[in-house]
N, C-alpha and C. Protein backbone atom coordinates (compact mmCIF):
# COMPACT_ATOMS: atom_id res chain seq x y z
N MET A 1 -56.68 -30.80 -123.42
CA MET A 1 -58.24 -30.53 -122.32
C MET A 1 -57.80 -30.13 -120.78
N ARG A 2 -56.70 -30.55 -120.53
CA ARG A 2 -56.47 -30.58 -119.19
C ARG A 2 -55.66 -29.11 -118.75
N ASN A 3 -55.08 -28.64 -119.74
CA ASN A 3 -54.57 -27.45 -119.46
C ASN A 3 -55.74 -26.34 -119.84
N ASN A 4 -56.85 -26.29 -120.40
CA ASN A 4 -58.13 -25.47 -120.62
C ASN A 4 -58.59 -25.53 -119.43
N PHE A 5 -58.85 -26.87 -118.65
CA PHE A 5 -59.52 -26.89 -117.41
C PHE A 5 -58.63 -25.78 -116.47
N TRP A 6 -57.44 -26.13 -116.34
CA TRP A 6 -56.68 -25.28 -115.25
C TRP A 6 -56.61 -24.03 -115.63
N ARG A 7 -56.49 -23.56 -117.00
CA ARG A 7 -56.78 -22.05 -117.50
C ARG A 7 -58.11 -21.34 -116.95
N GLY A 8 -59.09 -22.26 -117.08
CA GLY A 8 -60.36 -21.55 -116.66
C GLY A 8 -60.44 -21.44 -115.04
N VAL A 9 -59.98 -22.45 -114.29
CA VAL A 9 -59.75 -22.54 -112.83
C VAL A 9 -59.08 -21.24 -112.30
N ILE A 10 -57.97 -21.01 -112.90
CA ILE A 10 -56.95 -19.77 -112.58
C ILE A 10 -57.77 -18.57 -112.87
N THR A 11 -58.28 -18.40 -114.22
CA THR A 11 -59.29 -17.29 -114.54
C THR A 11 -60.41 -17.01 -113.71
N GLY A 12 -61.11 -17.99 -113.35
CA GLY A 12 -62.37 -17.90 -112.56
C GLY A 12 -61.84 -17.28 -111.22
N THR A 13 -60.73 -17.90 -110.84
CA THR A 13 -60.25 -17.73 -109.31
C THR A 13 -60.02 -16.06 -109.28
N ILE A 14 -59.18 -15.66 -110.11
CA ILE A 14 -58.84 -14.32 -110.58
C ILE A 14 -60.04 -13.38 -110.51
N ILE A 15 -61.06 -13.60 -111.36
CA ILE A 15 -61.99 -12.72 -111.56
C ILE A 15 -63.13 -12.79 -110.43
N GLY A 16 -63.13 -13.88 -109.76
CA GLY A 16 -63.74 -13.97 -108.35
C GLY A 16 -63.17 -13.03 -107.32
N ALA A 17 -61.93 -12.80 -107.19
CA ALA A 17 -61.24 -12.41 -106.20
C ALA A 17 -61.01 -10.83 -106.53
N THR A 18 -61.44 -10.53 -107.86
CA THR A 18 -61.64 -9.01 -107.99
C THR A 18 -63.07 -8.45 -107.82
N VAL A 19 -63.87 -9.32 -108.21
CA VAL A 19 -65.23 -9.03 -107.83
C VAL A 19 -65.60 -8.68 -106.37
N SER A 20 -65.12 -10.02 -105.70
CA SER A 20 -65.17 -9.77 -104.06
C SER A 20 -64.45 -8.59 -103.04
N MET A 21 -63.26 -8.33 -103.79
CA MET A 21 -62.54 -6.75 -103.68
C MET A 21 -63.44 -5.81 -103.83
N ILE A 22 -64.28 -5.60 -105.20
CA ILE A 22 -65.03 -4.42 -105.57
C ILE A 22 -65.90 -4.41 -104.67
N THR A 23 -66.93 -5.64 -104.29
CA THR A 23 -68.33 -5.62 -103.45
C THR A 23 -67.60 -5.37 -102.09
N GLY A 24 -66.71 -5.74 -101.55
CA GLY A 24 -66.08 -5.91 -100.47
C GLY A 24 -65.77 -4.44 -100.07
N GLY A 25 -64.99 -3.71 -100.71
CA GLY A 25 -64.65 -2.27 -100.58
C GLY A 25 -66.05 -1.63 -100.05
N ARG A 26 -66.86 -1.44 -100.96
CA ARG A 26 -68.17 -0.78 -101.13
C ARG A 26 -68.53 -1.05 -99.61
N ARG A 27 -68.93 -2.35 -99.21
CA ARG A 27 -69.47 -2.73 -97.77
C ARG A 27 -68.75 -2.12 -96.81
N GLN A 28 -67.36 -2.48 -97.00
CA GLN A 28 -66.45 -1.57 -95.66
C GLN A 28 -66.73 -0.31 -95.67
N GLU A 29 -66.63 0.56 -96.94
CA GLU A 29 -66.95 2.02 -96.63
C GLU A 29 -68.39 2.25 -96.15
N ARG A 30 -69.41 1.55 -96.26
CA ARG A 30 -70.46 1.84 -95.64
C ARG A 30 -70.65 1.78 -94.37
N ARG A 31 -69.58 0.78 -93.62
CA ARG A 31 -69.81 0.57 -92.47
C ARG A 31 -68.64 1.54 -91.47
N GLY A 32 -67.89 2.24 -92.65
CA GLY A 32 -66.94 2.89 -92.10
C GLY A 32 -65.87 2.60 -91.41
N ILE A 33 -65.55 1.32 -91.83
CA ILE A 33 -64.21 0.87 -91.36
C ILE A 33 -62.92 1.29 -91.79
N ILE A 34 -63.12 1.52 -93.01
CA ILE A 34 -61.97 1.83 -93.63
C ILE A 34 -62.22 3.33 -94.11
N ASN A 35 -61.40 4.73 -93.98
CA ASN A 35 -61.80 5.64 -94.28
C ASN A 35 -61.22 5.83 -95.98
N TYR A 36 -61.45 5.24 -96.79
CA TYR A 36 -61.55 5.40 -98.49
C TYR A 36 -63.06 6.20 -98.69
N ASN A 37 -62.80 7.00 -99.74
CA ASN A 37 -63.98 7.16 -100.14
C ASN A 37 -64.27 6.35 -101.43
N PRO A 38 -65.52 6.42 -102.10
CA PRO A 38 -65.76 5.67 -103.07
C PRO A 38 -65.07 5.67 -104.29
N LYS A 39 -64.52 6.93 -104.66
CA LYS A 39 -63.97 7.03 -105.89
C LYS A 39 -62.42 6.36 -105.62
N GLN A 40 -61.74 6.41 -104.49
CA GLN A 40 -60.73 5.76 -104.20
C GLN A 40 -61.01 4.32 -104.51
N VAL A 41 -62.00 3.74 -103.76
CA VAL A 41 -62.15 2.20 -103.79
C VAL A 41 -62.23 1.94 -105.46
N ARG A 42 -63.04 2.53 -106.08
CA ARG A 42 -63.50 2.29 -107.67
C ARG A 42 -62.23 2.39 -108.29
N SER A 43 -61.17 3.34 -108.11
CA SER A 43 -60.21 3.60 -108.98
C SER A 43 -58.81 2.26 -108.57
N ARG A 44 -58.96 1.84 -107.23
CA ARG A 44 -58.10 1.06 -107.16
C ARG A 44 -58.33 -0.41 -107.80
N ALA A 45 -59.80 -0.72 -107.64
CA ALA A 45 -60.43 -2.14 -108.19
C ALA A 45 -60.19 -1.92 -109.75
N ASN A 46 -60.24 -0.66 -110.43
CA ASN A 46 -60.11 -0.67 -111.61
C ASN A 46 -58.72 -0.95 -111.95
N ARG A 47 -57.70 -0.42 -111.39
CA ARG A 47 -56.21 -0.68 -111.51
C ARG A 47 -55.96 -2.04 -111.49
N VAL A 48 -56.95 -2.90 -110.55
CA VAL A 48 -56.42 -4.31 -110.29
C VAL A 48 -57.03 -5.04 -111.46
N LEU A 49 -58.43 -4.60 -111.83
CA LEU A 49 -59.07 -5.37 -112.98
C LEU A 49 -58.11 -5.42 -114.26
N ARG A 50 -57.78 -4.05 -114.50
CA ARG A 50 -56.67 -4.09 -115.60
C ARG A 50 -55.65 -4.84 -115.55
N GLY A 51 -55.17 -4.94 -114.66
CA GLY A 51 -53.70 -5.72 -114.40
C GLY A 51 -54.01 -7.42 -114.63
N VAL A 52 -55.12 -7.60 -114.02
CA VAL A 52 -55.91 -9.09 -114.00
C VAL A 52 -56.31 -9.28 -115.57
N SER A 53 -56.95 -8.38 -116.19
CA SER A 53 -57.29 -8.45 -117.85
C SER A 53 -55.93 -8.74 -118.47
N ARG A 54 -54.96 -8.04 -118.23
CA ARG A 54 -53.43 -8.23 -119.17
C ARG A 54 -53.21 -9.54 -119.09
N THR A 55 -53.09 -10.08 -117.74
CA THR A 55 -52.67 -11.36 -117.26
C THR A 55 -53.31 -12.64 -118.03
N VAL A 56 -54.70 -12.50 -117.78
CA VAL A 56 -55.43 -13.37 -118.39
C VAL A 56 -55.25 -13.39 -119.93
N ASN A 57 -55.27 -12.11 -120.63
CA ASN A 57 -55.09 -12.17 -121.91
C ASN A 57 -53.73 -12.59 -122.24
N ASP A 58 -52.67 -12.73 -121.61
CA ASP A 58 -51.51 -13.17 -121.92
C ASP A 58 -51.43 -14.82 -121.78
N LEU A 59 -52.17 -15.11 -120.43
CA LEU A 59 -52.39 -16.96 -120.51
C LEU A 59 -53.30 -17.17 -121.59
N ILE A 60 -54.32 -16.38 -122.12
CA ILE A 60 -54.72 -17.15 -123.38
C ILE A 60 -54.05 -17.06 -124.71
N LYS A 61 -53.04 -16.30 -124.87
CA LYS A 61 -52.35 -16.23 -126.09
C LYS A 61 -51.48 -17.33 -125.95
């Protein structure tokens, strides 16, 4: 039971960080702070999300 709790905490942290990167990138793009276009931000977020999902799948196995 303890192992499942920590696995959930780690998974939730990773998912929360990914979501904040995706939404934070859009806000920064609107303000013009970073000179990335939305396609670059989206592709970077998708790459991070793919890596996170692979890691989470490995943890679950």
